[in-house]
Amino acid sequence: MEPEPLTERLTWEQICRRYPDQWVALVELDWNDETDELTVARVAGHGPNRRAPFD
C-alpha cells in the first residue's frame, strides 16, 4: 500500500474541518511560541483510530 501524500500546510482549524472525528498524524509543525498553539502543519496520515494514521 502506498503512503498518502502529505497535505499542503494547514491551520489546526482547517485540519479539524477536513478530518472531523479522525485521528491525524502531523509533520512539519509550526508553533506560536507566545501562546503554545499550533499555527500550521501537514497531515501525514489520518483514520478512525489511533493506529490508522500510521498504517
C-alpha atoms as a PDB file:
ATOM      1  CA  MET A   1       0.000   0.000   0.000  1.00  0.00           C
ATOM      2  CA  GLU A   2       1.362   3.414  -0.976  1.00  0.00           C
ATOM      3  CA  PRO A   3       1.597   6.056   1.765  1.00  0.00           C
ATOM      4  CA  GLU A   4      -0.668   9.056   1.431  1.00  0.00           C
ATOM      5  CA  PRO A   5       0.995  12.191   0.103  1.00  0.00           C
ATOM      6  CA  LEU A   6       1.466  14.986   2.609  1.00  0.00           C
ATOM      7  CA  THR A   7      -1.177  17.678   2.553  1.00  0.00           C
ATOM      8  CA  GLU A   8      -0.409  21.310   1.993  1.00  0.00           C
ATOM      9  CA  ARG A   9       0.294  23.286   5.165  1.00  0.00           C
ATOM     10  CA  LEU A  10      -2.976  23.631   7.065  1.00  0.00           C
ATOM     11  CA  THR A  11      -4.088  25.506  10.163  1.00  0.00           C
ATOM     12  CA  TRP A  12      -5.484  23.488  13.067  1.00  0.00           C
ATOM     13  CA  GLU A  13      -8.967  24.772  12.185  1.00  0.00           C
ATOM     14  CA  GLN A  14      -8.561  23.541   8.585  1.00  0.00           C
ATOM     15  CA  ILE A  15      -7.289  20.151   9.794  1.00  0.00           C
ATOM     16  CA  CYS A  16     -10.290  19.747  12.111  1.00  0.00           C
ATOM     17  CA  ARG A  17     -12.717  20.659   9.306  1.00  0.00           C
ATOM     18  CA  ARG A  18     -11.060  18.374   6.745  1.00  0.00           C
ATOM     19  CA  TYR A  19     -10.694  15.363   9.092  1.00  0.00           C
ATOM     20  CA  PRO A  20     -13.615  15.528  11.542  1.00  0.00           C
ATOM     21  CA  ASP A  21     -13.746  12.771  14.159  1.00  0.00           C
ATOM     22  CA  GLN A  22     -10.467  11.275  12.926  1.00  0.00           C
ATOM     23  CA  TRP A  23      -7.014  10.801  14.366  1.00  0.00           C
ATOM     24  CA  VAL A  24      -4.294  12.637  12.441  1.00  0.00           C
ATOM     25  CA  ALA A  25      -0.515  12.268  12.248  1.00  0.00           C
ATOM     26  CA  LEU A  26       1.102  15.681  11.804  1.00  0.00           C
ATOM     27  CA  VAL A  27       4.548  16.620  10.486  1.00  0.00           C
ATOM     28  CA  GLU A  28       6.343  19.917   9.845  1.00  0.00           C
ATOM     29  CA  LEU A  29       4.536  21.591  12.732  1.00  0.00           C
ATOM     30  CA  ASP A  30       4.898  25.308  13.412  1.00  0.00           C
ATOM     31  CA  TRP A  31       4.004  26.697  16.836  1.00  0.00           C
ATOM     32  CA  ASN A  32       3.217  30.157  18.153  1.00  0.00           C
ATOM     33  CA  ASP A  33       5.814  30.497  20.913  1.00  0.00           C
ATOM     34  CA  GLU A  34       3.778  33.087  22.811  1.00  0.00           C
ATOM     35  CA  THR A  35       0.566  31.050  23.029  1.00  0.00           C
ATOM     36  CA  ASP A  36       1.931  27.496  22.587  1.00  0.00           C
ATOM     37  CA  GLU A  37      -0.687  26.960  19.865  1.00  0.00           C
ATOM     38  CA  LEU A  38      -0.209  25.074  16.641  1.00  0.00           C
ATOM     39  CA  THR A  39      -0.202  27.520  13.731  1.00  0.00           C
ATOM     40  CA  VAL A  40       0.245  25.206  10.722  1.00  0.00           C
ATOM     41  CA  ALA A  41       1.191  21.597   9.967  1.00  0.00           C
ATOM     42  CA  ARG A  42       0.999  18.956   7.247  1.00  0.00           C
ATOM     43  CA  VAL A  43      -1.160  15.854   7.654  1.00  0.00           C
ATOM     44  CA  ALA A  44       0.881  12.705   7.006  1.00  0.00           C
ATOM     45  CA  GLY A  45      -1.976  10.291   7.708  1.00  0.00           C
ATOM     46  CA  HIS A  46      -5.459  10.039   9.180  1.00  0.00           C
ATOM     47  CA  GLY A  47      -8.017   7.459  10.191  1.00  0.00           C
ATOM     48  CA  PRO A  48     -10.769   6.396  12.561  1.00  0.00           C
ATOM     49  CA  ASN A  49      -8.496   5.142  15.347  1.00  0.00           C
ATOM     50  CA  ARG A  50      -5.163   5.983  16.939  1.00  0.00           C
ATOM     51  CA  ARG A  51      -3.200   3.428  14.875  1.00  0.00           C
ATOM     52  CA  ALA A  52      -4.764   4.151  11.455  1.00  0.00           C
ATOM     53  CA  PRO A  53      -2.679   7.246  10.544  1.00  0.00           C
ATOM     54  CA  PHE A  54       0.474   5.120  10.719  1.00  0.00           C
ATOM     55  CA  ASP A  55      -0.757   2.123   8.708  1.00  0.00           C
END
